[in-house]
Structure formats: structure tokens, C-alpha cells
ModelCIF file with pLDDT and N, C-alpha, C, O atoms, coordinates in Angstrom:
data_MODEL
#
_entry.id   MODEL 
#
_entity.id                         1 
_entity.type                       polymer 
_entity.pdbx_number_of_molecules   1 
#
_entity_poly.entity_id                      1 
_entity_poly.type                           'polypeptide(L)' 
_entity_poly.nstd_linkage                   no 
_entity_poly.nstd_monomer                   no 
_entity_poly.pdbx_seq_one_letter_code       ACGCTRYPVLEGVPILMKRPVGIISHWDDTDISQG 
_entity_poly.pdbx_seq_one_letter_code_can   ACGCTRYPVLEGVPILMKRPVGIISHWDDTDISQG 
_entity_poly.pdbx_strand_id                 A 
#
loop_
_entity_poly_seq.entity_id 
_entity_poly_seq.num 
_entity_poly_seq.mon_id 
_entity_poly_seq.hetero 
1 1  ALA n 
1 2  CYS n 
1 3  GLY n 
1 4  CYS n 
1 5  THR n 
1 6  ARG n 
1 7  TYR n 
1 8  PRO n 
1 9  VAL n 
1 10 LEU n 
1 11 GLU n 
1 12 GLY n 
1 13 VAL n 
1 14 PRO n 
1 15 ILE n 
1 16 LEU n 
1 17 MET n 
1 18 LYS n 
1 19 ARG n 
1 20 PRO n 
1 21 VAL n 
1 22 GLY n 
1 23 ILE n 
1 24 ILE n 
1 25 SER n 
1 26 HIS n 
1 27 TRP n 
1 28 ASP n 
1 29 ASP n 
1 30 THR n 
1 31 ASP n 
1 32 ILE n 
1 33 SER n 
1 34 GLN n 
1 35 GLY n 
#
_struct_asym.id          A 
_struct_asym.entity_id   1 
#
loop_
_ma_qa_metric.id 
_ma_qa_metric.mode 
_ma_qa_metric.name 
_ma_qa_metric.software_group_id 
_ma_qa_metric.type 
1 global pLDDT . pLDDT 
2 local  pLDDT . pLDDT 
#
_ma_qa_metric_global.metric_id      1 
_ma_qa_metric_global.metric_value   89.29 
_ma_qa_metric_global.model_id       1 
_ma_qa_metric_global.ordinal_id     1 
#
loop_
_ma_qa_metric_local.label_asym_id 
_ma_qa_metric_local.label_comp_id 
_ma_qa_metric_local.label_seq_id 
_ma_qa_metric_local.metric_id 
_ma_qa_metric_local.metric_value 
_ma_qa_metric_local.model_id 
_ma_qa_metric_local.ordinal_id 
A ALA 1  2 97.00 1 1  
A CYS 2  2 96.00 1 2  
A GLY 3  2 91.00 1 3  
A CYS 4  2 95.00 1 4  
A THR 5  2 95.00 1 5  
A ARG 6  2 97.00 1 6  
A TYR 7  2 98.00 1 7  
A PRO 8  2 97.00 1 8  
A VAL 9  2 97.00 1 9  
A LEU 10 2 97.00 1 10 
A GLU 11 2 96.00 1 11 
A GLY 12 2 95.00 1 12 
A VAL 13 2 97.00 1 13 
A PRO 14 2 98.00 1 14 
A ILE 15 2 98.00 1 15 
A LEU 16 2 98.00 1 16 
A MET 17 2 94.00 1 17 
A LYS 18 2 87.00 1 18 
A ARG 19 2 87.00 1 19 
A PRO 20 2 92.00 1 20 
A VAL 21 2 94.00 1 21 
A GLY 22 2 89.00 1 22 
A ILE 23 2 88.00 1 23 
A ILE 24 2 84.00 1 24 
A SER 25 2 80.00 1 25 
A HIS 26 2 77.00 1 26 
A TRP 27 2 69.00 1 27 
A ASP 28 2 70.00 1 28 
A ASP 29 2 73.00 1 29 
A THR 30 2 77.00 1 30 
A ASP 31 2 79.00 1 31 
A ILE 32 2 82.00 1 32 
A SER 33 2 84.00 1 33 
A GLN 34 2 86.00 1 34 
A GLY 35 2 91.00 1 35 
#
loop_
_atom_site.group_PDB 
_atom_site.id 
_atom_site.type_symbol 
_atom_site.label_atom_id 
_atom_site.label_alt_id 
_atom_site.label_comp_id 
_atom_site.label_asym_id 
_atom_site.label_entity_id 
_atom_site.label_seq_id 
_atom_site.pdbx_PDB_ins_code 
_atom_site.Cartn_x 
_atom_site.Cartn_y 
_atom_site.Cartn_z 
_atom_site.occupancy 
_atom_site.B_iso_or_equiv 
_atom_site.pdbx_formal_charge 
_atom_site.auth_seq_id 
_atom_site.auth_comp_id 
_atom_site.auth_asym_id 
_atom_site.auth_atom_id 
_atom_site.pdbx_PDB_model_num 
ATOM 1   N N  . ALA A 1 1  ? -0.752  17.032 4.207   1.00 97.00 ? 1  ALA A N  1 
ATOM 2   C CA . ALA A 1 1  ? -1.688  18.426 3.276   1.00 97.00 ? 1  ALA A CA 1 
ATOM 3   C C  . ALA A 1 1  ? -0.417  18.854 2.646   1.00 97.00 ? 1  ALA A C  1 
ATOM 4   O O  . ALA A 1 1  ? 0.688   18.607 3.129   1.00 97.00 ? 1  ALA A O  1 
ATOM 5   N N  . CYS A 1 2  ? -0.670  19.664 1.277   1.00 96.00 ? 2  CYS A N  1 
ATOM 6   C CA . CYS A 1 2  ? -0.155  20.488 0.250   1.00 96.00 ? 2  CYS A CA 1 
ATOM 7   C C  . CYS A 1 2  ? -0.594  21.712 0.221   1.00 96.00 ? 2  CYS A C  1 
ATOM 8   O O  . CYS A 1 2  ? -1.418  22.107 1.046   1.00 96.00 ? 2  CYS A O  1 
ATOM 9   N N  . GLY A 1 3  ? -0.015  22.615 -0.907  1.00 91.00 ? 3  GLY A N  1 
ATOM 10  C CA . GLY A 1 3  ? -0.635  23.491 -0.945  1.00 91.00 ? 3  GLY A CA 1 
ATOM 11  C C  . GLY A 1 3  ? -2.171  23.678 -1.726  1.00 91.00 ? 3  GLY A C  1 
ATOM 12  O O  . GLY A 1 3  ? -2.815  24.721 -1.843  1.00 91.00 ? 3  GLY A O  1 
ATOM 13  N N  . CYS A 1 4  ? -2.491  22.421 -2.173  1.00 95.00 ? 4  CYS A N  1 
ATOM 14  C CA . CYS A 1 4  ? -3.812  22.162 -3.218  1.00 95.00 ? 4  CYS A CA 1 
ATOM 15  C C  . CYS A 1 4  ? -4.585  21.699 -2.531  1.00 95.00 ? 4  CYS A C  1 
ATOM 16  O O  . CYS A 1 4  ? -5.650  22.285 -2.338  1.00 95.00 ? 4  CYS A O  1 
ATOM 17  N N  . THR A 1 5  ? -4.239  20.221 -1.800  1.00 95.00 ? 5  THR A N  1 
ATOM 18  C CA . THR A 1 5  ? -5.236  19.094 -1.289  1.00 95.00 ? 5  THR A CA 1 
ATOM 19  C C  . THR A 1 5  ? -4.862  18.572 0.347   1.00 95.00 ? 5  THR A C  1 
ATOM 20  O O  . THR A 1 5  ? -3.767  18.725 0.888   1.00 95.00 ? 5  THR A O  1 
ATOM 21  N N  . ARG A 1 6  ? -5.757  18.094 0.800   1.00 97.00 ? 6  ARG A N  1 
ATOM 22  C CA . ARG A 1 6  ? -5.242  17.382 2.196   1.00 97.00 ? 6  ARG A CA 1 
ATOM 23  C C  . ARG A 1 6  ? -6.003  16.031 1.556   1.00 97.00 ? 6  ARG A C  1 
ATOM 24  O O  . ARG A 1 6  ? -7.039  15.919 0.900   1.00 97.00 ? 6  ARG A O  1 
ATOM 25  N N  . TYR A 1 7  ? -5.061  15.093 2.024   1.00 98.00 ? 7  TYR A N  1 
ATOM 26  C CA . TYR A 1 7  ? -5.176  13.606 1.906   1.00 98.00 ? 7  TYR A CA 1 
ATOM 27  C C  . TYR A 1 7  ? -5.316  12.920 3.050   1.00 98.00 ? 7  TYR A C  1 
ATOM 28  O O  . TYR A 1 7  ? -4.677  13.364 4.004   1.00 98.00 ? 7  TYR A O  1 
ATOM 29  N N  . PRO A 1 8  ? -6.111  11.756 3.262   1.00 97.00 ? 8  PRO A N  1 
ATOM 30  C CA . PRO A 1 8  ? -6.110  11.134 4.838   1.00 97.00 ? 8  PRO A CA 1 
ATOM 31  C C  . PRO A 1 8  ? -5.062  10.404 4.406   1.00 97.00 ? 8  PRO A C  1 
ATOM 32  O O  . PRO A 1 8  ? -4.640  10.304 3.254   1.00 97.00 ? 8  PRO A O  1 
ATOM 33  N N  . VAL A 1 9  ? -4.549  9.749  5.692   1.00 97.00 ? 9  VAL A N  1 
ATOM 34  C CA . VAL A 1 9  ? -3.564  8.472  6.126   1.00 97.00 ? 9  VAL A CA 1 
ATOM 35  C C  . VAL A 1 9  ? -4.607  7.626  6.957   1.00 97.00 ? 9  VAL A C  1 
ATOM 36  O O  . VAL A 1 9  ? -5.329  8.124  7.822   1.00 97.00 ? 9  VAL A O  1 
ATOM 37  N N  . LEU A 1 10 ? -4.608  6.476  6.651   1.00 97.00 ? 10 LEU A N  1 
ATOM 38  C CA . LEU A 1 10 ? -5.506  5.544  7.542   1.00 97.00 ? 10 LEU A CA 1 
ATOM 39  C C  . LEU A 1 10 ? -4.827  4.589  7.827   1.00 97.00 ? 10 LEU A C  1 
ATOM 40  O O  . LEU A 1 10 ? -4.274  4.103  6.840   1.00 97.00 ? 10 LEU A O  1 
ATOM 41  N N  . GLU A 1 11 ? -4.531  3.885  9.160   1.00 96.00 ? 11 GLU A N  1 
ATOM 42  C CA . GLU A 1 11 ? -3.767  3.338  9.737   1.00 96.00 ? 11 GLU A CA 1 
ATOM 43  C C  . GLU A 1 11 ? -2.785  2.868  8.836   1.00 96.00 ? 11 GLU A C  1 
ATOM 44  O O  . GLU A 1 11 ? -2.736  1.751  8.323   1.00 96.00 ? 11 GLU A O  1 
ATOM 45  N N  . GLY A 1 12 ? -1.824  4.036  8.652   1.00 95.00 ? 12 GLY A N  1 
ATOM 46  C CA . GLY A 1 12 ? -0.253  3.985  8.228   1.00 95.00 ? 12 GLY A CA 1 
ATOM 47  C C  . GLY A 1 12 ? -0.542  4.035  6.455   1.00 95.00 ? 12 GLY A C  1 
ATOM 48  O O  . GLY A 1 12 ? 0.374   3.970  5.636   1.00 95.00 ? 12 GLY A O  1 
ATOM 49  N N  . VAL A 1 13 ? -2.101  4.172  6.073   1.00 97.00 ? 13 VAL A N  1 
ATOM 50  C CA . VAL A 1 13 ? -1.692  4.041  4.490   1.00 97.00 ? 13 VAL A CA 1 
ATOM 51  C C  . VAL A 1 13 ? -2.435  5.119  3.909   1.00 97.00 ? 13 VAL A C  1 
ATOM 52  O O  . VAL A 1 13 ? -3.661  5.188  3.998   1.00 97.00 ? 13 VAL A O  1 
ATOM 53  N N  . PRO A 1 14 ? -1.507  6.220  3.134   1.00 98.00 ? 14 PRO A N  1 
ATOM 54  C CA . PRO A 1 14 ? -1.561  7.130  2.803   1.00 98.00 ? 14 PRO A CA 1 
ATOM 55  C C  . PRO A 1 14 ? -2.853  7.048  1.791   1.00 98.00 ? 14 PRO A C  1 
ATOM 56  O O  . PRO A 1 14 ? -3.098  5.886  1.465   1.00 98.00 ? 14 PRO A O  1 
ATOM 57  N N  . ILE A 1 15 ? -3.615  7.901  1.299   1.00 98.00 ? 15 ILE A N  1 
ATOM 58  C CA . ILE A 1 15 ? -4.959  7.564  0.012   1.00 98.00 ? 15 ILE A CA 1 
ATOM 59  C C  . ILE A 1 15 ? -4.518  9.056  -0.381  1.00 98.00 ? 15 ILE A C  1 
ATOM 60  O O  . ILE A 1 15 ? -4.651  10.092 0.270   1.00 98.00 ? 15 ILE A O  1 
ATOM 61  N N  . LEU A 1 16 ? -3.844  8.806  -1.893  1.00 98.00 ? 16 LEU A N  1 
ATOM 62  C CA . LEU A 1 16 ? -3.133  10.310 -2.537  1.00 98.00 ? 16 LEU A CA 1 
ATOM 63  C C  . LEU A 1 16 ? -3.928  10.209 -3.848  1.00 98.00 ? 16 LEU A C  1 
ATOM 64  O O  . LEU A 1 16 ? -3.376  10.125 -4.945  1.00 98.00 ? 16 LEU A O  1 
ATOM 65  N N  . MET A 1 17 ? -5.117  10.222 -3.684  1.00 94.00 ? 17 MET A N  1 
ATOM 66  C CA . MET A 1 17 ? -6.277  10.271 -4.691  1.00 94.00 ? 17 MET A CA 1 
ATOM 67  C C  . MET A 1 17 ? -7.464  11.078 -4.233  1.00 94.00 ? 17 MET A C  1 
ATOM 68  O O  . MET A 1 17 ? -7.725  11.401 -3.074  1.00 94.00 ? 17 MET A O  1 
ATOM 69  N N  . LYS A 1 18 ? -8.170  11.363 -5.380  1.00 87.00 ? 18 LYS A N  1 
ATOM 70  C CA . LYS A 1 18 ? -9.638  11.934 -5.267  1.00 87.00 ? 18 LYS A CA 1 
ATOM 71  C C  . LYS A 1 18 ? -10.871 11.333 -5.929  1.00 87.00 ? 18 LYS A C  1 
ATOM 72  O O  . LYS A 1 18 ? -11.952 11.782 -6.308  1.00 87.00 ? 18 LYS A O  1 
ATOM 73  N N  . ARG A 1 19 ? -10.215 10.010 -5.917  1.00 87.00 ? 19 ARG A N  1 
ATOM 74  C CA . ARG A 1 19 ? -11.517 9.380  -6.439  1.00 87.00 ? 19 ARG A CA 1 
ATOM 75  C C  . ARG A 1 19 ? -12.340 8.950  -5.115  1.00 87.00 ? 19 ARG A C  1 
ATOM 76  O O  . ARG A 1 19 ? -11.926 9.231  -3.990  1.00 87.00 ? 19 ARG A O  1 
ATOM 77  N N  . PRO A 1 20 ? -13.734 8.131  -5.385  1.00 92.00 ? 20 PRO A N  1 
ATOM 78  C CA . PRO A 1 20 ? -13.976 7.379  -4.327  1.00 92.00 ? 20 PRO A CA 1 
ATOM 79  C C  . PRO A 1 20 ? -13.084 6.320  -3.381  1.00 92.00 ? 20 PRO A C  1 
ATOM 80  O O  . PRO A 1 20 ? -12.203 5.835  -4.092  1.00 92.00 ? 20 PRO A O  1 
ATOM 81  N N  . VAL A 1 21 ? -13.034 5.904  -2.280  1.00 94.00 ? 21 VAL A N  1 
ATOM 82  C CA . VAL A 1 21 ? -12.360 4.870  -1.922  1.00 94.00 ? 21 VAL A CA 1 
ATOM 83  C C  . VAL A 1 21 ? -13.720 4.007  -1.503  1.00 94.00 ? 21 VAL A C  1 
ATOM 84  O O  . VAL A 1 21 ? -14.672 4.176  -0.742  1.00 94.00 ? 21 VAL A O  1 
ATOM 85  N N  . GLY A 1 22 ? -13.336 3.138  -2.295  1.00 89.00 ? 22 GLY A N  1 
ATOM 86  C CA . GLY A 1 22 ? -14.277 1.887  -2.036  1.00 89.00 ? 22 GLY A CA 1 
ATOM 87  C C  . GLY A 1 22 ? -13.745 0.719  -2.502  1.00 89.00 ? 22 GLY A C  1 
ATOM 88  O O  . GLY A 1 22 ? -12.551 0.491  -2.695  1.00 89.00 ? 22 GLY A O  1 
ATOM 89  N N  . ILE A 1 23 ? -14.761 -0.082 -2.691  1.00 88.00 ? 23 ILE A N  1 
ATOM 90  C CA . ILE A 1 23 ? -14.888 -1.585 -3.418  1.00 88.00 ? 23 ILE A CA 1 
ATOM 91  C C  . ILE A 1 23 ? -14.732 -1.815 -5.012  1.00 88.00 ? 23 ILE A C  1 
ATOM 92  O O  . ILE A 1 23 ? -15.711 -1.952 -5.745  1.00 88.00 ? 23 ILE A O  1 
ATOM 93  N N  . ILE A 1 24 ? -13.474 -1.840 -5.442  1.00 84.00 ? 24 ILE A N  1 
ATOM 94  C CA . ILE A 1 24 ? -13.617 -2.331 -7.112  1.00 84.00 ? 24 ILE A CA 1 
ATOM 95  C C  . ILE A 1 24 ? -13.410 -3.700 -7.647  1.00 84.00 ? 24 ILE A C  1 
ATOM 96  O O  . ILE A 1 24 ? -12.521 -4.458 -7.260  1.00 84.00 ? 24 ILE A O  1 
ATOM 97  N N  . SER A 1 25 ? -14.469 -4.020 -8.749  1.00 80.00 ? 25 SER A N  1 
ATOM 98  C CA . SER A 1 25 ? -14.549 -5.009 -9.502  1.00 80.00 ? 25 SER A CA 1 
ATOM 99  C C  . SER A 1 25 ? -13.034 -5.409 -9.841  1.00 80.00 ? 25 SER A C  1 
ATOM 100 O O  . SER A 1 25 ? -12.139 -4.618 -10.139 1.00 80.00 ? 25 SER A O  1 
ATOM 101 N N  . HIS A 1 26 ? -12.931 -6.820 -9.733  1.00 77.00 ? 26 HIS A N  1 
ATOM 102 C CA . HIS A 1 26 ? -11.821 -7.313 -10.012 1.00 77.00 ? 26 HIS A CA 1 
ATOM 103 C C  . HIS A 1 26 ? -12.172 -8.126 -11.759 1.00 77.00 ? 26 HIS A C  1 
ATOM 104 O O  . HIS A 1 26 ? -11.420 -8.841 -12.421 1.00 77.00 ? 26 HIS A O  1 
ATOM 105 N N  . TRP A 1 27 ? -13.174 -7.791 -11.982 1.00 69.00 ? 27 TRP A N  1 
ATOM 106 C CA . TRP A 1 27 ? -14.111 -8.243 -13.411 1.00 69.00 ? 27 TRP A CA 1 
ATOM 107 C C  . TRP A 1 27 ? -13.905 -7.099 -14.492 1.00 69.00 ? 27 TRP A C  1 
ATOM 108 O O  . TRP A 1 27 ? -13.419 -7.161 -15.621 1.00 69.00 ? 27 TRP A O  1 
ATOM 109 N N  . ASP A 1 28 ? -14.463 -5.977 -13.736 1.00 70.00 ? 28 ASP A N  1 
ATOM 110 C CA . ASP A 1 28 ? -14.497 -4.982 -15.040 1.00 70.00 ? 28 ASP A CA 1 
ATOM 111 C C  . ASP A 1 28 ? -14.107 -3.272 -14.494 1.00 70.00 ? 28 ASP A C  1 
ATOM 112 O O  . ASP A 1 28 ? -14.299 -2.280 -15.198 1.00 70.00 ? 28 ASP A O  1 
ATOM 113 N N  . ASP A 1 29 ? -13.592 -3.253 -13.238 1.00 73.00 ? 29 ASP A N  1 
ATOM 114 C CA . ASP A 1 29 ? -13.331 -2.459 -12.697 1.00 73.00 ? 29 ASP A CA 1 
ATOM 115 C C  . ASP A 1 29 ? -13.985 -1.290 -12.331 1.00 73.00 ? 29 ASP A C  1 
ATOM 116 O O  . ASP A 1 29 ? -13.619 -0.114 -12.340 1.00 73.00 ? 29 ASP A O  1 
ATOM 117 N N  . THR A 1 30 ? -15.356 -2.009 -11.904 1.00 77.00 ? 30 THR A N  1 
ATOM 118 C CA . THR A 1 30 ? -16.651 -1.155 -11.651 1.00 77.00 ? 30 THR A CA 1 
ATOM 119 C C  . THR A 1 30 ? -16.532 -1.031 -10.243 1.00 77.00 ? 30 THR A C  1 
ATOM 120 O O  . THR A 1 30 ? -16.014 -1.925 -9.575  1.00 77.00 ? 30 THR A O  1 
ATOM 121 N N  . ASP A 1 31 ? -17.063 0.226  -9.645  1.00 79.00 ? 31 ASP A N  1 
ATOM 122 C CA . ASP A 1 31 ? -17.324 0.422  -8.183  1.00 79.00 ? 31 ASP A CA 1 
ATOM 123 C C  . ASP A 1 31 ? -18.324 -0.873 -7.688  1.00 79.00 ? 31 ASP A C  1 
ATOM 124 O O  . ASP A 1 31 ? -19.468 -1.032 -8.114  1.00 79.00 ? 31 ASP A O  1 
ATOM 125 N N  . ILE A 1 32 ? -17.845 -1.501 -6.988  1.00 82.00 ? 32 ILE A N  1 
ATOM 126 C CA . ILE A 1 32 ? -19.172 -2.503 -5.819  1.00 82.00 ? 32 ILE A CA 1 
ATOM 127 C C  . ILE A 1 32 ? -19.768 -1.026 -4.816  1.00 82.00 ? 32 ILE A C  1 
ATOM 128 O O  . ILE A 1 32 ? -20.794 -0.369 -4.641  1.00 82.00 ? 32 ILE A O  1 
ATOM 129 N N  . SER A 1 33 ? -18.783 -1.069 -4.500  1.00 84.00 ? 33 SER A N  1 
ATOM 130 C CA . SER A 1 33 ? -19.294 -0.139 -3.391  1.00 84.00 ? 33 SER A CA 1 
ATOM 131 C C  . SER A 1 33 ? -18.546 1.436  -3.778  1.00 84.00 ? 33 SER A C  1 
ATOM 132 O O  . SER A 1 33 ? -17.359 1.467  -4.103  1.00 84.00 ? 33 SER A O  1 
ATOM 133 N N  . GLN A 1 34 ? -19.168 2.380  -3.721  1.00 86.00 ? 34 GLN A N  1 
ATOM 134 C CA . GLN A 1 34 ? -18.400 3.698  -4.299  1.00 86.00 ? 34 GLN A CA 1 
ATOM 135 C C  . GLN A 1 34 ? -17.280 4.324  -3.197  1.00 86.00 ? 34 GLN A C  1 
ATOM 136 O O  . GLN A 1 34 ? -16.223 4.865  -3.520  1.00 86.00 ? 34 GLN A O  1 
ATOM 137 N N  . GLY A 1 35 ? -17.779 4.114  -1.791  1.00 91.00 ? 35 GLY A N  1 
ATOM 138 C CA . GLY A 1 35 ? -17.406 4.887  -0.669  1.00 91.00 ? 35 GLY A CA 1 
ATOM 139 C C  . GLY A 1 35 ? -17.258 6.459  -0.576  1.00 91.00 ? 35 GLY A C  1 
ATOM 140 O O  . GLY A 1 35 ? -16.921 6.986  0.485   1.00 91.00 ? 35 GLY A O  1 
#
């Protein structure tokens, strides 16, 4: 947590972004699963 946002840490991996945390295609960077 900072003054503006709270970010999750899952099993030792901080997630420091506000976009959905899903599965992203290696073909075209589109969301396979938005998460």
C-alpha cells in the first residue's frame, strides 16, 4: 500500500499494475482470459 493504491502480492510476486491479471496471448497480446 502507498498513498494512492493497494497492490496484491501473490506467493512472493508483487502485482504492480491496475489492468486485469489474466492470460495474455503471445500471438497478438490480446486477453485469452481477462482475469
